[in-house]
Amino acid sequence: MNQTERNSFKSYWPWFLIVVASAAAHLWCVKSQFYLDDLWQIRDNGTFHGDGYTEDIKLRWFYMMLKIQVALFGMSSPAIHACNWLLHTGVALVLWRLALLLLPQRPGVALFSALLFAVHPLGSEIPNYARCQDIAWVTLFSLAACHQVVAFLLRKHWWHLCLALVMMAGAAFSKGPGVFHAIMMVGAVAACVGLPIVLQKGKRVGLYLVSGAALVLVCGFFVRHHFGWDTAVSRWQDPRIMGHAFTLSRVFWEFCRLGFWPNGLCADHHIQETLAEKGFWQVKDA
């Protein structure tokens, strides 16, 4: 850890500013009520009322955390939304730490990125939509995994890589496709940081190749154990899965525009879905 990063870490101002900014933008979420998927996935879910055990193994962490919240506060909409706000704020703090690791000479830019995330309207769904707590968890774990991978690439301490794998496992049990979220995020960040290092220090190419191969093998084993190869492959031709993929592709540029000018935001339930027949290419609009 260099002097700039150490001084930034010791200063309480960035932490304070991020928490205050997140509170000013989203803490009113405690007034939100259960709606849409909150009703059947949380409020009326038998998992929380002793009427059955309906949780999916791929959501094990998400449901375990919700059970703790319900045990402590009851089926309280303000309490669960407050926990979502805490998670949103935690994501902003981890994002700041990751940005500071990537830009140690520009702590102001790192802080601005975290503040922008903390207050941006596109991030308002997690604090205000209780069911999105799984998205908050998978984002938190995935960003933490990215932070540990970057720390490993810069500092060469293997325990960072071990922590990254633990964080990726947390993402895998927080949301259905959580493991893929984590792999994509870690892969993108590792490529951006690792490739320049490999090109500058050719003698360490073997080390990075072995590390990368080990990470791929561990992730592959986990996916095989978690889903099964046949199930994972067959789901790519599932009309629901492919419809989501085509819908995301269709609205991608609109999402980018909203990042700069966030007007007319709506819940994803109100976005017209592109439907797909069985297979890859039979696509029609809803």
C-alpha atoms as a PDB file:
ATOM      1  CA  MET A   1       0.000   0.000   0.000  1.00  0.00           C
ATOM      2  CA  ASN A   2       1.626   3.279  -1.101  1.00  0.00           C
ATOM      3  CA  GLN A   3       1.629   6.496   0.915  1.00  0.00           C
ATOM      4  CA  THR A   4      -1.236   8.094  -1.038  1.00  0.00           C
ATOM      5  CA  GLU A   5      -3.466   5.079  -0.545  1.00  0.00           C
ATOM      6  CA  ARG A   6      -2.491   4.789   3.131  1.00  0.00           C
ATOM      7  CA  ASN A   7      -3.280   8.447   3.814  1.00  0.00           C
ATOM      8  CA  SER A   8      -6.618   8.136   2.000  1.00  0.00           C
ATOM      9  CA  PHE A   9      -7.509   5.053   3.994  1.00  0.00           C
ATOM     10  CA  LYS A  10      -6.721   6.712   7.316  1.00  0.00           C
ATOM     11  CA  SER A  11      -8.811   9.742   6.507  1.00  0.00           C
ATOM     12  CA  TYR A  12     -12.380   9.482   7.715  1.00  0.00           C
ATOM     13  CA  TRP A  13     -13.664  12.112   5.301  1.00  0.00           C
ATOM     14  CA  PRO A  14     -14.205   9.839   2.268  1.00  0.00           C
ATOM     15  CA  TRP A  15     -16.085   7.286   4.355  1.00  0.00           C
ATOM     16  CA  PHE A  16     -18.171  10.053   5.927  1.00  0.00           C
ATOM     17  CA  LEU A  17     -18.967  11.737   2.616  1.00  0.00           C
ATOM     18  CA  ILE A  18     -20.036   8.510   0.916  1.00  0.00           C
ATOM     19  CA  VAL A  19     -22.337   7.531   3.797  1.00  0.00           C
ATOM     20  CA  VAL A  20     -23.862  11.020   4.011  1.00  0.00           C
ATOM     21  CA  ALA A  21     -24.351  11.207   0.235  1.00  0.00           C
ATOM     22  CA  SER A  22     -26.030   7.801   0.174  1.00  0.00           C
ATOM     23  CA  ALA A  23     -28.265   8.790   3.103  1.00  0.00           C
ATOM     24  CA  ALA A  24     -29.267  12.097   1.505  1.00  0.00           C
ATOM     25  CA  ALA A  25     -30.155  10.389  -1.776  1.00  0.00           C
ATOM     26  CA  HIS A  26     -31.815   7.179  -0.637  1.00  0.00           C
ATOM     27  CA  LEU A  27     -32.462   6.911   3.108  1.00  0.00           C
ATOM     28  CA  TRP A  28     -36.074   7.895   2.530  1.00  0.00           C
ATOM     29  CA  CYS A  29     -36.389   4.329   1.192  1.00  0.00           C
ATOM     30  CA  VAL A  30     -37.451   3.245   4.710  1.00  0.00           C
ATOM     31  CA  LYS A  31     -40.889   4.587   3.816  1.00  0.00           C
ATOM     32  CA  SER A  32     -41.162   2.169   0.874  1.00  0.00           C
ATOM     33  CA  GLN A  33     -43.712  -0.644   1.020  1.00  0.00           C
ATOM     34  CA  PHE A  34     -43.619  -4.200  -0.313  1.00  0.00           C
ATOM     35  CA  TYR A  35     -44.754  -4.314  -3.936  1.00  0.00           C
ATOM     36  CA  LEU A  36     -44.396  -6.358  -7.144  1.00  0.00           C
ATOM     37  CA  ASP A  37     -42.179  -9.406  -6.459  1.00  0.00           C
ATOM     38  CA  ASP A  38     -41.773  -8.401  -2.792  1.00  0.00           C
ATOM     39  CA  LEU A  39     -45.248  -9.751  -2.112  1.00  0.00           C
ATOM     40  CA  TRP A  40     -44.784 -13.375  -3.123  1.00  0.00           C
ATOM     41  CA  GLN A  41     -41.015 -13.718  -2.711  1.00  0.00           C
ATOM     42  CA  ILE A  42     -40.756 -12.114   0.725  1.00  0.00           C
ATOM     43  CA  ARG A  43     -44.002 -11.133   2.478  1.00  0.00           C
ATOM     44  CA  ASP A  44     -46.004 -14.260   1.553  1.00  0.00           C
ATOM     45  CA  ASN A  45     -43.077 -16.658   1.197  1.00  0.00           C
ATOM     46  CA  GLY A  46     -43.599 -19.786   3.283  1.00  0.00           C
ATOM     47  CA  THR A  47     -39.880 -19.865   4.068  1.00  0.00           C
ATOM     48  CA  PHE A  48     -40.420 -17.035   6.553  1.00  0.00           C
ATOM     49  CA  HIS A  49     -43.673 -18.355   8.055  1.00  0.00           C
ATOM     50  CA  GLY A  50     -42.813 -22.001   8.704  1.00  0.00           C
ATOM     51  CA  ASP A  51     -45.119 -23.177   5.904  1.00  0.00           C
ATOM     52  CA  GLY A  52     -42.403 -24.736   3.788  1.00  0.00           C
ATOM     53  CA  TYR A  53     -38.807 -24.500   2.694  1.00  0.00           C
ATOM     54  CA  THR A  54     -38.962 -22.846  -0.697  1.00  0.00           C
ATOM     55  CA  GLU A  55     -35.504 -21.341  -1.062  1.00  0.00           C
ATOM     56  CA  ASP A  56     -33.253 -22.104  -4.032  1.00  0.00           C
ATOM     57  CA  ILE A  57     -29.682 -23.201  -3.264  1.00  0.00           C
ATOM     58  CA  LYS A  58     -28.450 -20.454  -5.608  1.00  0.00           C
ATOM     59  CA  LEU A  59     -30.162 -17.932  -3.296  1.00  0.00           C
ATOM     60  CA  ARG A  60     -29.007 -19.539  -0.044  1.00  0.00           C
ATOM     61  CA  TRP A  61     -27.098 -16.508   1.263  1.00  0.00           C
ATOM     62  CA  PHE A  62     -29.864 -14.096   0.247  1.00  0.00           C
ATOM     63  CA  TYR A  63     -32.552 -16.078   2.078  1.00  0.00           C
ATOM     64  CA  MET A  64     -30.343 -16.680   5.115  1.00  0.00           C
ATOM     65  CA  MET A  65     -29.787 -12.938   5.503  1.00  0.00           C
ATOM     66  CA  LEU A  66     -33.499 -12.252   5.051  1.00  0.00           C
ATOM     67  CA  LYS A  67     -34.336 -14.849   7.701  1.00  0.00           C
ATOM     68  CA  ILE A  68     -32.037 -13.076  10.137  1.00  0.00           C
ATOM     69  CA  GLN A  69     -33.681  -9.733   9.365  1.00  0.00           C
ATOM     70  CA  VAL A  70     -37.169 -11.189   9.817  1.00  0.00           C
ATOM     71  CA  ALA A  71     -36.103 -12.885  13.068  1.00  0.00           C
ATOM     72  CA  LEU A  72     -34.753  -9.589  14.421  1.00  0.00           C
ATOM     73  CA  PHE A  73     -37.361  -7.119  13.155  1.00  0.00           C
ATOM     74  CA  GLY A  74     -40.327  -9.198  12.024  1.00  0.00           C
ATOM     75  CA  MET A  75     -41.776  -8.900   8.526  1.00  0.00           C
ATOM     76  CA  SER A  76     -41.004  -5.183   8.592  1.00  0.00           C
ATOM     77  CA  SER A  77     -40.844  -3.304   5.318  1.00  0.00           C
ATOM     78  CA  PRO A  78     -38.898  -0.355   6.827  1.00  0.00           C
ATOM     79  CA  ALA A  79     -36.310  -2.684   8.386  1.00  0.00           C
ATOM     80  CA  ILE A  80     -35.682  -4.694   5.212  1.00  0.00           C
ATOM     81  CA  HIS A  81     -35.473  -1.539   3.105  1.00  0.00           C
ATOM     82  CA  ALA A  82     -33.042  -0.059   5.656  1.00  0.00           C
ATOM     83  CA  CYS A  83     -30.859  -3.166   5.273  1.00  0.00           C
ATOM     84  CA  ASN A  84     -30.983  -2.673   1.510  1.00  0.00           C
ATOM     85  CA  TRP A  85     -29.799   0.903   2.008  1.00  0.00           C
ATOM     86  CA  LEU A  86     -26.908  -0.322   4.166  1.00  0.00           C
ATOM     87  CA  LEU A  87     -25.923  -2.760   1.421  1.00  0.00           C
ATOM     88  CA  HIS A  88     -26.133  -0.024  -1.226  1.00  0.00           C
ATOM     89  CA  THR A  89     -23.884   2.161   0.896  1.00  0.00           C
ATOM     90  CA  GLY A  90     -21.512  -0.754   1.425  1.00  0.00           C
ATOM     91  CA  VAL A  91     -21.260  -1.270  -2.333  1.00  0.00           C
ATOM     92  CA  ALA A  92     -20.359   2.411  -2.752  1.00  0.00           C
ATOM     93  CA  LEU A  93     -17.619   2.080  -0.115  1.00  0.00           C
ATOM     94  CA  VAL A  94     -16.159  -1.047  -1.736  1.00  0.00           C
ATOM     95  CA  LEU A  95     -16.293   0.702  -5.111  1.00  0.00           C
ATOM     96  CA  TRP A  96     -14.290   3.575  -3.629  1.00  0.00           C
ATOM     97  CA  ARG A  97     -11.666   1.164  -2.276  1.00  0.00           C
ATOM     98  CA  LEU A  98     -11.410  -0.570  -5.651  1.00  0.00           C
ATOM     99  CA  ALA A  99     -11.131   2.734  -7.517  1.00  0.00           C
ATOM    100  CA  LEU A 100      -8.492   3.935  -5.073  1.00  0.00           C
ATOM    101  CA  LEU A 101      -6.497   0.767  -5.699  1.00  0.00           C
ATOM    102  CA  LEU A 102      -6.737   1.321  -9.452  1.00  0.00           C
ATOM    103  CA  LEU A 103      -6.016   5.070  -9.256  1.00  0.00           C
ATOM    104  CA  PRO A 104      -3.772   5.559  -6.206  1.00  0.00           C
ATOM    105  CA  GLN A 105      -2.466   8.882  -7.519  1.00  0.00           C
ATOM    106  CA  ARG A 106      -5.972  10.250  -8.071  1.00  0.00           C
ATOM    107  CA  PRO A 107      -7.926   9.717  -4.849  1.00  0.00           C
ATOM    108  CA  GLY A 108     -10.325  12.517  -5.819  1.00  0.00           C
ATOM    109  CA  VAL A 109     -11.406  10.624  -8.953  1.00  0.00           C
ATOM    110  CA  ALA A 110     -11.833   7.443  -6.902  1.00  0.00           C
ATOM    111  CA  LEU A 111     -14.002   9.276  -4.384  1.00  0.00           C
ATOM    112  CA  PHE A 112     -16.080  10.926  -7.115  1.00  0.00           C
ATOM    113  CA  SER A 113     -16.851   7.537  -8.699  1.00  0.00           C
ATOM    114  CA  ALA A 114     -18.148   6.206  -5.385  1.00  0.00           C
ATOM    115  CA  LEU A 115     -20.187   9.357  -4.676  1.00  0.00           C
ATOM    116  CA  LEU A 116     -21.705   9.208  -8.163  1.00  0.00           C
ATOM    117  CA  PHE A 117     -22.774   5.612  -7.612  1.00  0.00           C
ATOM    118  CA  ALA A 118     -24.116   6.409  -4.145  1.00  0.00           C
ATOM    119  CA  VAL A 119     -26.468   9.175  -5.332  1.00  0.00           C
ATOM    120  CA  HIS A 120     -27.257   8.229  -8.934  1.00  0.00           C
ATOM    121  CA  PRO A 121     -30.972   7.529  -9.592  1.00  0.00           C
ATOM    122  CA  LEU A 122     -30.083   4.338 -11.481  1.00  0.00           C
ATOM    123  CA  GLY A 123     -28.934   2.928  -8.148  1.00  0.00           C
ATOM    124  CA  SER A 124     -32.221   3.704  -6.417  1.00  0.00           C
ATOM    125  CA  GLU A 125     -33.832   0.326  -7.151  1.00  0.00           C
ATOM    126  CA  ILE A 126     -31.863  -1.581  -4.501  1.00  0.00           C
ATOM    127  CA  PRO A 127     -32.791   0.692  -1.540  1.00  0.00           C
ATOM    128  CA  ASN A 128     -36.439   0.950  -2.631  1.00  0.00           C
ATOM    129  CA  TYR A 129     -37.188  -2.574  -3.861  1.00  0.00           C
ATOM    130  CA  ALA A 130     -36.808  -5.158  -1.095  1.00  0.00           C
ATOM    131  CA  ARG A 131     -36.534  -8.104  -3.491  1.00  0.00           C
ATOM    132  CA  CYS A 132     -33.404  -6.524  -5.022  1.00  0.00           C
ATOM    133  CA  GLN A 133     -31.401  -7.346  -1.925  1.00  0.00           C
ATOM    134  CA  ASP A 134     -29.978 -10.320  -3.839  1.00  0.00           C
ATOM    135  CA  ILE A 135     -28.608  -7.885  -6.463  1.00  0.00           C
ATOM    136  CA  ALA A 136     -27.021  -5.835  -3.686  1.00  0.00           C
ATOM    137  CA  TRP A 137     -25.326  -8.915  -2.240  1.00  0.00           C
ATOM    138  CA  VAL A 138     -24.020 -10.195  -5.577  1.00  0.00           C
ATOM    139  CA  THR A 139     -22.705  -6.725  -6.453  1.00  0.00           C
ATOM    140  CA  LEU A 140     -21.015  -6.345  -3.076  1.00  0.00           C
ATOM    141  CA  PHE A 141     -19.358  -9.769  -3.286  1.00  0.00           C
ATOM    142  CA  SER A 142     -18.343  -9.322  -6.940  1.00  0.00           C
ATOM    143  CA  LEU A 143     -16.755  -5.897  -6.357  1.00  0.00           C
ATOM    144  CA  ALA A 144     -14.973  -7.246  -3.278  1.00  0.00           C
ATOM    145  CA  ALA A 145     -13.641 -10.114  -5.404  1.00  0.00           C
ATOM    146  CA  CYS A 146     -12.419  -7.607  -8.001  1.00  0.00           C
ATOM    147  CA  HIS A 147     -10.671  -5.644  -5.259  1.00  0.00           C
ATOM    148  CA  GLN A 148      -8.872  -8.744  -4.011  1.00  0.00           C
ATOM    149  CA  VAL A 149      -7.833  -9.818  -7.513  1.00  0.00           C
ATOM    150  CA  VAL A 150      -6.377  -6.375  -8.241  1.00  0.00           C
ATOM    151  CA  ALA A 151      -4.591  -6.444  -4.874  1.00  0.00           C
ATOM    152  CA  PHE A 152      -3.140  -9.835  -5.803  1.00  0.00           C
ATOM    153  CA  LEU A 153      -1.916  -8.588  -9.175  1.00  0.00           C
ATOM    154  CA  LEU A 154      -0.281  -5.525  -7.615  1.00  0.00           C
ATOM    155  CA  ARG A 155       1.081  -6.999  -4.378  1.00  0.00           C
ATOM    156  CA  LYS A 156       1.601 -10.707  -5.243  1.00  0.00           C
ATOM    157  CA  HIS A 157       0.142 -11.976  -1.954  1.00  0.00           C
ATOM    158  CA  TRP A 158      -1.681 -15.250  -2.565  1.00  0.00           C
ATOM    159  CA  TRP A 159      -4.112 -14.724   0.287  1.00  0.00           C
ATOM    160  CA  HIS A 160      -5.746 -11.988  -1.802  1.00  0.00           C
ATOM    161  CA  LEU A 161      -6.567 -14.618  -4.436  1.00  0.00           C
ATOM    162  CA  CYS A 162      -8.016 -16.915  -1.778  1.00  0.00           C
ATOM    163  CA  LEU A 163     -10.235 -14.104  -0.500  1.00  0.00           C
ATOM    164  CA  ALA A 164     -11.330 -13.393  -4.082  1.00  0.00           C
ATOM    165  CA  LEU A 165     -12.516 -16.996  -4.430  1.00  0.00           C
ATOM    166  CA  VAL A 166     -14.431 -16.713  -1.142  1.00  0.00           C
ATOM    167  CA  MET A 167     -16.113 -13.521  -2.377  1.00  0.00           C
ATOM    168  CA  MET A 168     -17.016 -15.197  -5.682  1.00  0.00           C
ATOM    169  CA  ALA A 169     -18.577 -18.082  -3.760  1.00  0.00           C
ATOM    170  CA  GLY A 170     -20.624 -15.524  -1.814  1.00  0.00           C
ATOM    171  CA  ALA A 171     -21.851 -14.048  -5.090  1.00  0.00           C
ATOM    172  CA  ALA A 172     -22.753 -17.516  -6.364  1.00  0.00           C
ATOM    173  CA  PHE A 173     -25.083 -18.136  -3.401  1.00  0.00           C
ATOM    174  CA  SER A 174     -26.640 -14.659  -3.464  1.00  0.00           C
ATOM    175  CA  LYS A 175     -28.425 -14.746  -6.829  1.00  0.00           C
ATOM    176  CA  GLY A 176     -29.281 -17.289  -9.505  1.00  0.00           C
ATOM    177  CA  PRO A 177     -26.639 -16.239 -12.049  1.00  0.00           C
ATOM    178  CA  GLY A 178     -24.445 -14.690  -9.339  1.00  0.00           C
ATOM    179  CA  VAL A 179     -21.399 -16.790 -10.179  1.00  0.00           C
ATOM    180  CA  PHE A 180     -21.516 -15.509 -13.767  1.00  0.00           C
ATOM    181  CA  HIS A 181     -21.812 -11.909 -12.558  1.00  0.00           C
ATOM    182  CA  ALA A 182     -18.693 -12.425 -10.451  1.00  0.00           C
ATOM    183  CA  ILE A 183     -16.742 -14.171 -13.222  1.00  0.00           C
ATOM    184  CA  MET A 184     -17.548 -11.447 -15.759  1.00  0.00           C
ATOM    185  CA  MET A 185     -16.650  -8.598 -13.396  1.00  0.00           C
ATOM    186  CA  VAL A 186     -13.462 -10.211 -12.115  1.00  0.00           C
ATOM    187  CA  GLY A 187     -12.437 -11.226 -15.621  1.00  0.00           C
ATOM    188  CA  ALA A 188     -12.893  -7.716 -17.004  1.00  0.00           C
ATOM    189  CA  VAL A 189     -11.022  -6.024 -14.153  1.00  0.00           C
ATOM    190  CA  ALA A 190      -8.249  -8.639 -14.118  1.00  0.00           C
ATOM    191  CA  ALA A 191      -7.735  -8.266 -17.872  1.00  0.00           C
ATOM    192  CA  CYS A 192      -7.511  -4.476 -17.657  1.00  0.00           C
ATOM    193  CA  VAL A 193      -5.014  -4.590 -14.785  1.00  0.00           C
ATOM    194  CA  GLY A 194      -3.186  -7.839 -15.465  1.00  0.00           C
ATOM    195  CA  LEU A 195      -2.419  -7.553 -19.179  1.00  0.00           C
ATOM    196  CA  PRO A 196      -0.256  -4.410 -18.848  1.00  0.00           C
ATOM    197  CA  ILE A 197       1.632  -6.072 -15.998  1.00  0.00           C
ATOM    198  CA  VAL A 198       2.243  -9.190 -18.068  1.00  0.00           C
ATOM    199  CA  LEU A 199       3.456  -7.141 -21.023  1.00  0.00           C
ATOM    200  CA  GLN A 200       5.818  -5.122 -18.828  1.00  0.00           C
ATOM    201  CA  LYS A 201       7.177  -8.122 -16.925  1.00  0.00           C
ATOM    202  CA  GLY A 202       7.465 -10.941 -19.391  1.00  0.00           C
ATOM    203  CA  LYS A 203       9.293 -13.173 -16.946  1.00  0.00           C
ATOM    204  CA  ARG A 204       6.123 -13.455 -14.871  1.00  0.00           C
ATOM    205  CA  VAL A 205       3.950 -14.606 -17.767  1.00  0.00           C
ATOM    206  CA  GLY A 206       4.035 -18.184 -16.474  1.00  0.00           C
ATOM    207  CA  LEU A 207       2.875 -17.114 -13.016  1.00  0.00           C
ATOM    208  CA  TYR A 208      -0.096 -15.200 -14.375  1.00  0.00           C
ATOM    209  CA  LEU A 209      -1.035 -17.945 -16.814  1.00  0.00           C
ATOM    210  CA  VAL A 210      -0.971 -20.542 -14.046  1.00  0.00           C
ATOM    211  CA  SER A 211      -2.973 -18.262 -11.736  1.00  0.00           C
ATOM    212  CA  GLY A 212      -5.520 -17.564 -14.451  1.00  0.00           C
ATOM    213  CA  ALA A 213      -5.820 -21.233 -15.375  1.00  0.00           C
ATOM    214  CA  ALA A 214      -6.293 -22.184 -11.708  1.00  0.00           C
ATOM    215  CA  LEU A 215      -9.038 -19.589 -11.330  1.00  0.00           C
ATOM    216  CA  VAL A 216     -10.796 -20.840 -14.486  1.00  0.00           C
ATOM    217  CA  LEU A 217     -10.584 -24.463 -13.306  1.00  0.00           C
ATOM    218  CA  VAL A 218     -11.964 -23.615  -9.868  1.00  0.00           C
ATOM    219  CA  CYS A 219     -14.816 -21.615 -11.407  1.00  0.00           C
ATOM    220  CA  GLY A 220     -15.499 -24.393 -13.906  1.00  0.00           C
ATOM    221  CA  PHE A 221     -15.642 -27.007 -11.168  1.00  0.00           C
ATOM    222  CA  PHE A 222     -17.962 -24.796  -9.151  1.00  0.00           C
ATOM    223  CA  VAL A 223     -20.304 -24.236 -12.107  1.00  0.00           C
ATOM    224  CA  ARG A 224     -20.352 -27.966 -12.818  1.00  0.00           C
ATOM    225  CA  HIS A 225     -21.118 -28.783  -9.193  1.00  0.00           C
ATOM    226  CA  HIS A 226     -23.533 -25.868  -8.788  1.00  0.00           C
ATOM    227  CA  PHE A 227     -25.580 -26.310 -11.959  1.00  0.00           C
ATOM    228  CA  GLY A 228     -24.339 -29.337 -13.885  1.00  0.00           C
ATOM    229  CA  TRP A 229     -22.942 -28.858 -17.382  1.00  0.00           C
ATOM    230  CA  ASP A 230     -26.050 -30.179 -19.127  1.00  0.00           C
ATOM    231  CA  THR A 231     -28.350 -27.892 -17.168  1.00  0.00           C
ATOM    232  CA  ALA A 232     -26.105 -24.855 -17.681  1.00  0.00           C
ATOM    233  CA  VAL A 233     -25.812 -25.430 -21.437  1.00  0.00           C
ATOM    234  CA  SER A 234     -29.478 -26.261 -21.979  1.00  0.00           C
ATOM    235  CA  ARG A 235     -30.594 -23.086 -20.226  1.00  0.00           C
ATOM    236  CA  TRP A 236     -28.976 -21.003 -22.972  1.00  0.00           C
ATOM    237  CA  GLN A 237     -31.759 -22.194 -25.283  1.00  0.00           C
ATOM    238  CA  ASP A 238     -34.493 -21.589 -22.747  1.00  0.00           C
ATOM    239  CA  PRO A 239     -36.916 -18.979 -24.175  1.00  0.00           C
ATOM    240  CA  ARG A 240     -37.000 -17.107 -20.858  1.00  0.00           C
ATOM    241  CA  ILE A 241     -33.215 -16.883 -20.593  1.00  0.00           C
ATOM    242  CA  MET A 242     -32.701 -15.931 -24.230  1.00  0.00           C
ATOM    243  CA  GLY A 243     -35.565 -13.446 -24.040  1.00  0.00           C
ATOM    244  CA  HIS A 244     -33.814 -11.690 -21.164  1.00  0.00           C
ATOM    245  CA  ALA A 245     -30.550 -11.639 -23.116  1.00  0.00           C
ATOM    246  CA  PHE A 246     -32.165 -10.138 -26.215  1.00  0.00           C
ATOM    247  CA  THR A 247     -34.081  -7.602 -24.107  1.00  0.00           C
ATOM    248  CA  LEU A 248     -30.875  -6.466 -22.370  1.00  0.00           C
ATOM    249  CA  SER A 249     -29.168  -6.119 -25.746  1.00  0.00           C
ATOM    250  CA  ARG A 250     -32.074  -4.068 -27.072  1.00  0.00           C
ATOM    251  CA  VAL A 251     -32.162  -1.586 -24.185  1.00  0.00           C
ATOM    252  CA  PHE A 252     -28.381  -1.361 -23.607  1.00  0.00           C
ATOM    253  CA  TRP A 253     -27.873   2.019 -25.282  1.00  0.00           C
ATOM    254  CA  GLU A 254     -30.950   3.427 -23.589  1.00  0.00           C
ATOM    255  CA  PHE A 255     -29.470   2.314 -20.283  1.00  0.00           C
ATOM    256  CA  CYS A 256     -26.215   4.100 -21.165  1.00  0.00           C
ATOM    257  CA  ARG A 257     -28.167   7.272 -21.971  1.00  0.00           C
ATOM    258  CA  LEU A 258     -29.982   7.104 -18.649  1.00  0.00           C
ATOM    259  CA  GLY A 259     -26.599   6.972 -16.955  1.00  0.00           C
ATOM    260  CA  PHE A 260     -26.012  10.525 -18.181  1.00  0.00           C
ATOM    261  CA  TRP A 261     -29.590  11.816 -18.211  1.00  0.00           C
ATOM    262  CA  PRO A 262     -31.750   9.725 -15.834  1.00  0.00           C
ATOM    263  CA  ASN A 263     -35.224  10.863 -16.819  1.00  0.00           C
ATOM    264  CA  GLY A 264     -38.264   8.631 -17.188  1.00  0.00           C
ATOM    265  CA  LEU A 265     -36.937   5.759 -15.066  1.00  0.00           C
ATOM    266  CA  CYS A 266     -39.233   2.796 -14.470  1.00  0.00           C
ATOM    267  CA  ALA A 267     -39.183  -0.668 -12.922  1.00  0.00           C
ATOM    268  CA  ASP A 268     -37.993  -3.443 -15.210  1.00  0.00           C
ATOM    269  CA  HIS A 269     -41.508  -4.930 -15.065  1.00  0.00           C
ATOM    270  CA  HIS A 270     -42.626  -2.087 -17.323  1.00  0.00           C
ATOM    271  CA  ILE A 271     -39.993  -2.709 -20.010  1.00  0.00           C
ATOM    272  CA  GLN A 272     -41.353  -4.528 -23.061  1.00  0.00           C
ATOM    273  CA  GLU A 273     -39.666  -7.926 -23.235  1.00  0.00           C
ATOM    274  CA  THR A 274     -38.295  -9.438 -26.423  1.00  0.00           C
ATOM    275  CA  LEU A 275     -39.625 -12.999 -26.579  1.00  0.00           C
ATOM    276  CA  ALA A 276     -37.688 -15.939 -27.986  1.00  0.00           C
ATOM    277  CA  GLU A 277     -38.888 -19.303 -29.220  1.00  0.00           C
ATOM    278  CA  LYS A 278     -37.060 -22.504 -28.364  1.00  0.00           C
ATOM    279  CA  GLY A 279     -33.545 -22.102 -29.795  1.00  0.00           C
ATOM    280  CA  PHE A 280     -31.292 -19.151 -30.405  1.00  0.00           C
ATOM    281  CA  TRP A 281     -32.588 -17.163 -33.361  1.00  0.00           C
ATOM    282  CA  GLN A 282     -36.385 -17.351 -33.343  1.00  0.00           C
ATOM    283  CA  VAL A 283     -37.027 -13.900 -31.881  1.00  0.00           C
ATOM    284  CA  LYS A 284     -40.152 -11.760 -31.921  1.00  0.00           C
ATOM    285  CA  ASP A 285     -41.232  -8.661 -30.033  1.00  0.00           C
ATOM    286  CA  ALA A 286     -43.851  -9.010 -27.327  1.00  0.00           C
END
